Amino acid sequence: MSRRPQQIRRLIQALQRLETEISYGFTHLPDALDIIARQTAEPLAGIFREMAAGLAVMSGHSVKEVWQSAVIGGWKKTSMKDAEKEILLQIGFTLGLTGREDQVKHLRLGIRQLQAEEELAREEQQRYEKMWKSLGLLAGALVVILIY
C-alpha cells in the first residue's frame, strides 16, 4: 500500500523527463528511454530499460508492441494497479508514431491521469494504514487478555 503512491510519483517523474527529452532534447526515443531508465529507480527502471533495448533492435516489431511487451512484462514487479498500467499502455499507442507535439500532448495527458491515480492511492493508503494499525493494536490487546 505504501509503495504504490511512491511508484506512481516516480512514474510521473519519469514520464515528465521523457517529455523533456522528446520536446527539448530532440532525443531519439530509444536513447531517451535509456536515459530515463538510468535516472529511475527499480522496478520502473527495468521497464524503461526493456523498452529501450527492444526499440534499439526493433526486429520487426512496432513501437507500440515493444512498449506493451515491456509494460506487461515488468508490471508484475511493481505495486501499482491495472489503472496505472492502462494509462501507460495508452501512451504507447501514440509514442513514436506521431509528431513531437502530439507525443508531448499524450504524455501530458497520461501524467495528469497518473496524478489523479496518485491522489486516490494516497487516500487509500491512509485509510488502510489506520485500519491495520487499529487491528494490530486490538490483536495485541486480545493476546494479552487471553494470556491472563
N, C-alpha and C. Protein backbone atom coordinates (compact mmCIF):
# COMPACT_ATOMS: atom_id res chain seq x y z
N MET A 1 0.81 -1.20 0.00
CA MET A 1 0.00 0.00 0.00
C MET A 1 0.85 1.27 0.00
N SER A 2 1.93 1.25 0.76
CA SER A 2 2.74 2.47 0.85
C SER A 2 3.64 2.65 -0.37
N ARG A 3 3.97 1.56 -1.06
CA ARG A 3 4.84 1.68 -2.24
C ARG A 3 4.08 2.19 -3.47
N ARG A 4 2.81 1.95 -3.54
CA ARG A 4 2.04 2.33 -4.74
C ARG A 4 2.09 3.83 -5.02
N PRO A 5 1.75 4.70 -4.07
CA PRO A 5 1.84 6.14 -4.37
C PRO A 5 3.26 6.59 -4.74
N GLN A 6 4.26 5.98 -4.09
CA GLN A 6 5.65 6.33 -4.40
C GLN A 6 6.00 5.94 -5.83
N GLN A 7 5.58 4.76 -6.23
CA GLN A 7 5.88 4.30 -7.58
C GLN A 7 5.13 5.11 -8.63
N ILE A 8 3.91 5.50 -8.34
CA ILE A 8 3.16 6.35 -9.27
C ILE A 8 3.88 7.68 -9.42
N ARG A 9 4.35 8.25 -8.31
CA ARG A 9 5.08 9.51 -8.34
C ARG A 9 6.34 9.36 -9.19
N ARG A 10 7.08 8.26 -9.02
CA ARG A 10 8.29 8.02 -9.82
C ARG A 10 7.96 7.86 -11.30
N LEU A 11 6.84 7.21 -11.58
CA LEU A 11 6.42 7.04 -12.97
C LEU A 11 6.08 8.39 -13.59
N ILE A 12 5.41 9.24 -12.84
CA ILE A 12 5.09 10.58 -13.31
C ILE A 12 6.38 11.34 -13.62
N GLN A 13 7.33 11.27 -12.70
CA GLN A 13 8.61 11.97 -12.91
C GLN A 13 9.34 11.43 -14.13
N ALA A 14 9.31 10.12 -14.32
CA ALA A 14 9.97 9.51 -15.48
C ALA A 14 9.31 9.98 -16.78
N LEU A 15 7.99 10.03 -16.79
CA LEU A 15 7.29 10.49 -18.00
C LEU A 15 7.53 11.97 -18.26
N GLN A 16 7.68 12.76 -17.19
CA GLN A 16 8.00 14.17 -17.36
C GLN A 16 9.40 14.33 -17.96
N ARG A 17 10.34 13.49 -17.51
CA ARG A 17 11.68 13.52 -18.09
C ARG A 17 11.64 13.09 -19.56
N LEU A 18 10.83 12.09 -19.86
CA LEU A 18 10.69 11.64 -21.24
C LEU A 18 10.11 12.76 -22.11
N GLU A 19 9.13 13.46 -21.57
CA GLU A 19 8.56 14.61 -22.28
C GLU A 19 9.63 15.66 -22.59
N THR A 20 10.47 15.92 -21.61
CA THR A 20 11.55 16.89 -21.78
C THR A 20 12.54 16.43 -22.84
N GLU A 21 12.90 15.16 -22.80
CA GLU A 21 13.84 14.62 -23.78
C GLU A 21 13.27 14.71 -25.20
N ILE A 22 11.98 14.44 -25.34
CA ILE A 22 11.35 14.47 -26.66
C ILE A 22 11.19 15.91 -27.15
N SER A 23 10.70 16.79 -26.28
CA SER A 23 10.36 18.14 -26.73
C SER A 23 11.56 19.08 -26.80
N TYR A 24 12.46 19.01 -25.83
CA TYR A 24 13.56 19.97 -25.80
C TYR A 24 14.90 19.36 -26.21
N GLY A 25 15.09 18.08 -25.89
CA GLY A 25 16.37 17.45 -26.20
C GLY A 25 16.44 16.88 -27.60
N PHE A 26 15.28 16.77 -28.28
CA PHE A 26 15.22 16.17 -29.61
C PHE A 26 15.93 14.82 -29.65
N THR A 27 15.83 14.09 -28.54
CA THR A 27 16.49 12.80 -28.39
C THR A 27 15.65 11.72 -29.05
N HIS A 28 16.32 10.80 -29.74
CA HIS A 28 15.61 9.67 -30.33
C HIS A 28 15.00 8.83 -29.21
N LEU A 29 13.87 8.22 -29.48
CA LEU A 29 13.11 7.51 -28.45
C LEU A 29 13.92 6.43 -27.74
N PRO A 30 14.66 5.55 -28.43
CA PRO A 30 15.44 4.53 -27.69
C PRO A 30 16.47 5.16 -26.75
N ASP A 31 17.12 6.23 -27.21
CA ASP A 31 18.10 6.90 -26.36
C ASP A 31 17.43 7.59 -25.18
N ALA A 32 16.28 8.22 -25.42
CA ALA A 32 15.55 8.89 -24.35
C ALA A 32 15.11 7.88 -23.29
N LEU A 33 14.60 6.73 -23.73
CA LEU A 33 14.16 5.70 -22.78
C LEU A 33 15.33 5.15 -21.99
N ASP A 34 16.49 5.04 -22.63
CA ASP A 34 17.69 4.57 -21.93
C ASP A 34 18.12 5.58 -20.85
N ILE A 35 18.05 6.85 -21.18
CA ILE A 35 18.37 7.90 -20.20
C ILE A 35 17.41 7.83 -19.02
N ILE A 36 16.12 7.67 -19.32
CA ILE A 36 15.10 7.59 -18.27
C ILE A 36 15.35 6.37 -17.38
N ALA A 37 15.71 5.25 -17.99
CA ALA A 37 15.98 4.02 -17.22
C ALA A 37 17.12 4.23 -16.25
N ARG A 38 18.15 4.97 -16.66
CA ARG A 38 19.29 5.22 -15.77
C ARG A 38 18.95 6.20 -14.65
N GLN A 39 17.95 7.04 -14.85
CA GLN A 39 17.58 8.05 -13.86
C GLN A 39 16.45 7.60 -12.93
N THR A 40 15.87 6.44 -13.19
CA THR A 40 14.70 5.98 -12.45
C THR A 40 15.07 4.78 -11.59
N ALA A 41 14.43 4.68 -10.44
CA ALA A 41 14.67 3.55 -9.53
C ALA A 41 13.91 2.32 -10.02
N GLU A 42 14.37 1.16 -9.57
CA GLU A 42 13.66 -0.09 -9.87
C GLU A 42 12.34 -0.09 -9.13
N PRO A 43 11.33 -0.75 -9.58
CA PRO A 43 11.22 -1.64 -10.72
C PRO A 43 10.91 -0.92 -12.03
N LEU A 44 10.66 0.38 -11.97
CA LEU A 44 10.32 1.12 -13.19
C LEU A 44 11.50 1.22 -14.15
N ALA A 45 12.71 1.28 -13.61
CA ALA A 45 13.89 1.35 -14.47
C ALA A 45 13.96 0.14 -15.39
N GLY A 46 13.60 -1.02 -14.89
CA GLY A 46 13.62 -2.23 -15.70
C GLY A 46 12.66 -2.16 -16.88
N ILE A 47 11.50 -1.56 -16.66
CA ILE A 47 10.51 -1.41 -17.74
C ILE A 47 11.07 -0.49 -18.82
N PHE A 48 11.62 0.66 -18.42
CA PHE A 48 12.16 1.59 -19.40
C PHE A 48 13.40 1.02 -20.09
N ARG A 49 14.21 0.27 -19.36
CA ARG A 49 15.39 -0.37 -19.94
C ARG A 49 14.98 -1.38 -21.01
N GLU A 50 13.94 -2.17 -20.71
CA GLU A 50 13.45 -3.16 -21.67
C GLU A 50 12.87 -2.47 -22.91
N MET A 51 12.19 -1.35 -22.71
CA MET A 51 11.66 -0.60 -23.86
C MET A 51 12.81 -0.11 -24.74
N ALA A 52 13.82 0.46 -24.12
CA ALA A 52 14.96 0.99 -24.88
C ALA A 52 15.67 -0.12 -25.63
N ALA A 53 15.86 -1.25 -24.98
CA ALA A 53 16.53 -2.38 -25.63
C ALA A 53 15.69 -2.92 -26.78
N GLY A 54 14.40 -3.03 -26.58
CA GLY A 54 13.51 -3.51 -27.63
C GLY A 54 13.47 -2.59 -28.83
N LEU A 55 13.50 -1.27 -28.58
CA LEU A 55 13.47 -0.32 -29.69
C LEU A 55 14.81 -0.25 -30.41
N ALA A 56 15.89 -0.54 -29.69
CA ALA A 56 17.21 -0.50 -30.31
C ALA A 56 17.36 -1.58 -31.37
N VAL A 57 16.78 -2.76 -31.13
CA VAL A 57 16.88 -3.85 -32.10
C VAL A 57 15.69 -3.90 -33.04
N MET A 58 14.52 -3.48 -32.59
CA MET A 58 13.26 -3.41 -33.32
C MET A 58 12.82 -4.73 -33.93
N SER A 59 13.63 -5.52 -34.47
CA SER A 59 13.35 -6.86 -35.01
C SER A 59 11.93 -7.03 -35.56
N GLY A 60 11.47 -6.07 -36.33
CA GLY A 60 10.17 -6.19 -36.98
C GLY A 60 8.98 -5.84 -36.12
N HIS A 61 9.18 -5.42 -34.89
CA HIS A 61 8.08 -5.05 -34.01
C HIS A 61 7.88 -3.55 -34.03
N SER A 62 6.64 -3.12 -33.87
CA SER A 62 6.34 -1.69 -33.82
C SER A 62 6.68 -1.15 -32.42
N VAL A 63 6.73 0.18 -32.32
CA VAL A 63 6.98 0.83 -31.03
C VAL A 63 5.90 0.42 -30.04
N LYS A 64 4.66 0.38 -30.51
CA LYS A 64 3.53 0.01 -29.65
C LYS A 64 3.72 -1.40 -29.09
N GLU A 65 4.14 -2.33 -29.92
CA GLU A 65 4.33 -3.72 -29.47
C GLU A 65 5.46 -3.83 -28.46
N VAL A 66 6.56 -3.13 -28.72
CA VAL A 66 7.70 -3.14 -27.79
C VAL A 66 7.28 -2.52 -26.46
N TRP A 67 6.56 -1.40 -26.54
CA TRP A 67 6.10 -0.69 -25.34
C TRP A 67 5.20 -1.60 -24.51
N GLN A 68 4.20 -2.22 -25.18
CA GLN A 68 3.27 -3.10 -24.47
C GLN A 68 3.98 -4.29 -23.85
N SER A 69 4.88 -4.88 -24.58
CA SER A 69 5.62 -6.03 -24.06
C SER A 69 6.42 -5.67 -22.82
N ALA A 70 7.08 -4.52 -22.85
CA ALA A 70 7.88 -4.08 -21.71
C ALA A 70 7.00 -3.77 -20.50
N VAL A 71 5.88 -3.10 -20.74
CA VAL A 71 4.98 -2.74 -19.63
C VAL A 71 4.38 -4.00 -19.01
N ILE A 72 3.85 -4.87 -19.84
CA ILE A 72 3.21 -6.09 -19.33
C ILE A 72 4.22 -6.98 -18.64
N GLY A 73 5.42 -7.11 -19.22
CA GLY A 73 6.45 -7.96 -18.62
C GLY A 73 6.97 -7.45 -17.29
N GLY A 74 7.13 -6.14 -17.16
CA GLY A 74 7.69 -5.57 -15.93
C GLY A 74 6.68 -5.19 -14.88
N TRP A 75 5.40 -5.22 -15.24
CA TRP A 75 4.36 -4.74 -14.32
C TRP A 75 4.23 -5.60 -13.07
N LYS A 76 4.53 -6.89 -13.20
CA LYS A 76 4.39 -7.79 -12.05
C LYS A 76 5.29 -7.40 -10.89
N LYS A 77 6.37 -6.70 -11.19
CA LYS A 77 7.34 -6.31 -10.17
C LYS A 77 6.95 -5.02 -9.45
N THR A 78 5.93 -4.34 -9.95
CA THR A 78 5.52 -3.08 -9.34
C THR A 78 4.40 -3.31 -8.33
N SER A 79 4.10 -2.28 -7.57
CA SER A 79 2.99 -2.31 -6.61
C SER A 79 1.77 -1.58 -7.16
N MET A 80 1.83 -1.18 -8.41
CA MET A 80 0.74 -0.41 -8.99
C MET A 80 -0.37 -1.32 -9.49
N LYS A 81 -1.52 -0.72 -9.70
CA LYS A 81 -2.72 -1.45 -10.13
C LYS A 81 -2.91 -1.34 -11.64
N ASP A 82 -3.97 -2.00 -12.11
CA ASP A 82 -4.26 -2.02 -13.54
C ASP A 82 -4.60 -0.64 -14.11
N ALA A 83 -5.13 0.25 -13.30
CA ALA A 83 -5.48 1.59 -13.79
C ALA A 83 -4.23 2.31 -14.29
N GLU A 84 -3.15 2.24 -13.53
CA GLU A 84 -1.90 2.87 -13.94
C GLU A 84 -1.31 2.16 -15.16
N LYS A 85 -1.45 0.87 -15.18
CA LYS A 85 -0.94 0.08 -16.31
C LYS A 85 -1.65 0.49 -17.61
N GLU A 86 -2.97 0.66 -17.55
CA GLU A 86 -3.73 1.05 -18.73
C GLU A 86 -3.33 2.43 -19.22
N ILE A 87 -3.07 3.34 -18.30
CA ILE A 87 -2.64 4.69 -18.68
C ILE A 87 -1.31 4.61 -19.41
N LEU A 88 -0.39 3.83 -18.88
CA LEU A 88 0.93 3.68 -19.51
C LEU A 88 0.82 2.99 -20.86
N LEU A 89 -0.05 2.01 -20.97
CA LEU A 89 -0.24 1.34 -22.26
C LEU A 89 -0.83 2.29 -23.30
N GLN A 90 -1.73 3.17 -22.88
CA GLN A 90 -2.33 4.15 -23.80
C GLN A 90 -1.28 5.10 -24.36
N ILE A 91 -0.31 5.45 -23.55
CA ILE A 91 0.77 6.33 -24.02
C ILE A 91 1.53 5.64 -25.15
N GLY A 92 1.70 4.35 -25.05
CA GLY A 92 2.43 3.60 -26.06
C GLY A 92 1.77 3.57 -27.43
N PHE A 93 0.47 3.84 -27.50
CA PHE A 93 -0.23 3.84 -28.78
C PHE A 93 0.23 4.96 -29.70
N THR A 94 0.63 6.09 -29.12
CA THR A 94 1.00 7.25 -29.95
C THR A 94 2.49 7.51 -29.97
N LEU A 95 3.21 6.99 -29.01
CA LEU A 95 4.64 7.27 -28.91
C LEU A 95 5.39 6.70 -30.11
N GLY A 96 6.15 7.53 -30.75
CA GLY A 96 6.94 7.10 -31.88
C GLY A 96 6.19 7.10 -33.20
N LEU A 97 4.87 7.26 -33.18
CA LEU A 97 4.08 7.22 -34.41
C LEU A 97 3.67 8.59 -34.90
N THR A 98 3.58 9.54 -33.99
CA THR A 98 3.07 10.86 -34.34
C THR A 98 4.19 11.89 -34.18
N GLY A 99 3.88 13.12 -34.49
CA GLY A 99 4.85 14.19 -34.35
C GLY A 99 5.19 14.48 -32.90
N ARG A 100 6.26 15.22 -32.72
CA ARG A 100 6.75 15.53 -31.38
C ARG A 100 5.69 16.21 -30.53
N GLU A 101 4.96 17.18 -31.09
CA GLU A 101 3.95 17.91 -30.33
C GLU A 101 2.82 16.98 -29.88
N ASP A 102 2.41 16.09 -30.75
CA ASP A 102 1.34 15.16 -30.41
C ASP A 102 1.79 14.17 -29.33
N GLN A 103 3.04 13.73 -29.42
CA GLN A 103 3.57 12.83 -28.40
C GLN A 103 3.62 13.53 -27.04
N VAL A 104 4.06 14.76 -27.03
CA VAL A 104 4.12 15.54 -25.79
C VAL A 104 2.72 15.72 -25.21
N LYS A 105 1.75 15.99 -26.08
CA LYS A 105 0.37 16.18 -25.64
C LYS A 105 -0.15 14.90 -24.96
N HIS A 106 0.13 13.74 -25.56
CA HIS A 106 -0.32 12.48 -24.97
C HIS A 106 0.43 12.16 -23.68
N LEU A 107 1.71 12.50 -23.62
CA LEU A 107 2.45 12.29 -22.37
C LEU A 107 1.86 13.14 -21.25
N ARG A 108 1.54 14.39 -21.55
CA ARG A 108 0.95 15.27 -20.54
C ARG A 108 -0.40 14.76 -20.07
N LEU A 109 -1.20 14.25 -21.00
CA LEU A 109 -2.49 13.67 -20.64
C LEU A 109 -2.28 12.48 -19.71
N GLY A 110 -1.35 11.61 -20.04
CA GLY A 110 -1.06 10.46 -19.19
C GLY A 110 -0.57 10.88 -17.82
N ILE A 111 0.24 11.92 -17.77
CA ILE A 111 0.75 12.43 -16.49
C ILE A 111 -0.40 12.95 -15.64
N ARG A 112 -1.33 13.69 -16.24
CA ARG A 112 -2.48 14.19 -15.48
C ARG A 112 -3.33 13.04 -14.94
N GLN A 113 -3.52 12.02 -15.76
CA GLN A 113 -4.30 10.86 -15.31
C GLN A 113 -3.58 10.14 -14.17
N LEU A 114 -2.27 10.02 -14.27
CA LEU A 114 -1.50 9.37 -13.20
C LEU A 114 -1.51 10.20 -11.92
N GLN A 115 -1.53 11.51 -12.05
CA GLN A 115 -1.62 12.36 -10.86
C GLN A 115 -2.94 12.13 -10.13
N ALA A 116 -4.01 11.94 -10.87
CA ALA A 116 -5.31 11.64 -10.25
C ALA A 116 -5.25 10.28 -9.56
N GLU A 117 -4.63 9.30 -10.19
CA GLU A 117 -4.48 7.97 -9.58
C GLU A 117 -3.61 8.03 -8.34
N GLU A 118 -2.58 8.88 -8.37
CA GLU A 118 -1.71 9.02 -7.21
C GLU A 118 -2.49 9.56 -6.01
N GLU A 119 -3.35 10.53 -6.25
CA GLU A 119 -4.17 11.09 -5.18
C GLU A 119 -5.08 10.02 -4.58
N LEU A 120 -5.71 9.23 -5.44
CA LEU A 120 -6.56 8.14 -4.96
C LEU A 120 -5.74 7.11 -4.17
N ALA A 121 -4.54 6.81 -4.65
CA ALA A 121 -3.69 5.84 -3.96
C ALA A 121 -3.28 6.35 -2.58
N ARG A 122 -3.00 7.65 -2.47
CA ARG A 122 -2.64 8.22 -1.16
C ARG A 122 -3.82 8.15 -0.19
N GLU A 123 -5.01 8.45 -0.68
CA GLU A 123 -6.19 8.36 0.19
C GLU A 123 -6.43 6.92 0.64
N GLU A 124 -6.28 5.99 -0.28
CA GLU A 124 -6.46 4.57 0.04
C GLU A 124 -5.40 4.11 1.04
N GLN A 125 -4.18 4.57 0.85
CA GLN A 125 -3.09 4.22 1.76
C GLN A 125 -3.40 4.71 3.17
N GLN A 126 -3.82 5.94 3.30
CA GLN A 126 -4.13 6.50 4.62
C GLN A 126 -5.27 5.74 5.29
N ARG A 127 -6.29 5.43 4.52
CA ARG A 127 -7.45 4.73 5.08
C ARG A 127 -7.06 3.33 5.59
N TYR A 128 -6.33 2.58 4.78
CA TYR A 128 -5.99 1.22 5.15
C TYR A 128 -4.89 1.14 6.20
N GLU A 129 -3.97 2.11 6.19
CA GLU A 129 -2.93 2.11 7.23
C GLU A 129 -3.55 2.28 8.61
N LYS A 130 -4.51 3.17 8.73
CA LYS A 130 -5.19 3.37 10.01
C LYS A 130 -5.89 2.09 10.44
N MET A 131 -6.55 1.43 9.49
CA MET A 131 -7.28 0.20 9.81
C MET A 131 -6.32 -0.88 10.30
N TRP A 132 -5.18 -1.08 9.60
CA TRP A 132 -4.24 -2.13 10.00
C TRP A 132 -3.57 -1.82 11.34
N LYS A 133 -3.31 -0.55 11.60
CA LYS A 133 -2.73 -0.19 12.90
C LYS A 133 -3.73 -0.49 14.01
N SER A 134 -4.99 -0.16 13.79
CA SER A 134 -6.02 -0.44 14.79
C SER A 134 -6.18 -1.93 15.00
N LEU A 135 -6.20 -2.70 13.91
CA LEU A 135 -6.31 -4.15 14.03
C LEU A 135 -5.11 -4.75 14.77
N GLY A 136 -3.94 -4.22 14.51
CA GLY A 136 -2.75 -4.70 15.22
C GLY A 136 -2.83 -4.43 16.71
N LEU A 137 -3.29 -3.25 17.06
CA LEU A 137 -3.45 -2.88 18.47
C LEU A 137 -4.49 -3.78 19.14
N LEU A 138 -5.62 -4.00 18.46
CA LEU A 138 -6.66 -4.85 19.03
C LEU A 138 -6.20 -6.31 19.14
N ALA A 139 -5.46 -6.79 18.16
CA ALA A 139 -4.94 -8.16 18.22
C ALA A 139 -3.97 -8.31 19.38
N GLY A 140 -3.14 -7.30 19.59
CA GLY A 140 -2.22 -7.33 20.72
C GLY A 140 -2.97 -7.33 22.04
N ALA A 141 -4.01 -6.51 22.15
CA ALA A 141 -4.82 -6.48 23.37
C ALA A 141 -5.50 -7.82 23.60
N LEU A 142 -5.98 -8.45 22.53
CA LEU A 142 -6.62 -9.76 22.65
C LEU A 142 -5.64 -10.82 23.15
N VAL A 143 -4.43 -10.79 22.67
CA VAL A 143 -3.41 -11.74 23.10
C VAL A 143 -3.12 -11.56 24.60
N VAL A 144 -3.01 -10.30 25.01
CA VAL A 144 -2.74 -10.01 26.41
C VAL A 144 -3.90 -10.51 27.29
N ILE A 145 -5.13 -10.28 26.85
CA ILE A 145 -6.31 -10.74 27.61
C ILE A 145 -6.34 -12.25 27.67
N LEU A 146 -6.05 -12.93 26.58
CA LEU A 146 -6.07 -14.40 26.56
C LEU A 146 -4.98 -15.01 27.42
N ILE A 147 -3.85 -14.34 27.51
CA ILE A 147 -2.75 -14.86 28.34
C ILE A 147 -3.12 -14.76 29.82
N TYR A 148 -3.77 -13.70 30.20
CA TYR A 148 -4.13 -13.52 31.61
C TYR A 148 -5.50 -14.04 31.83
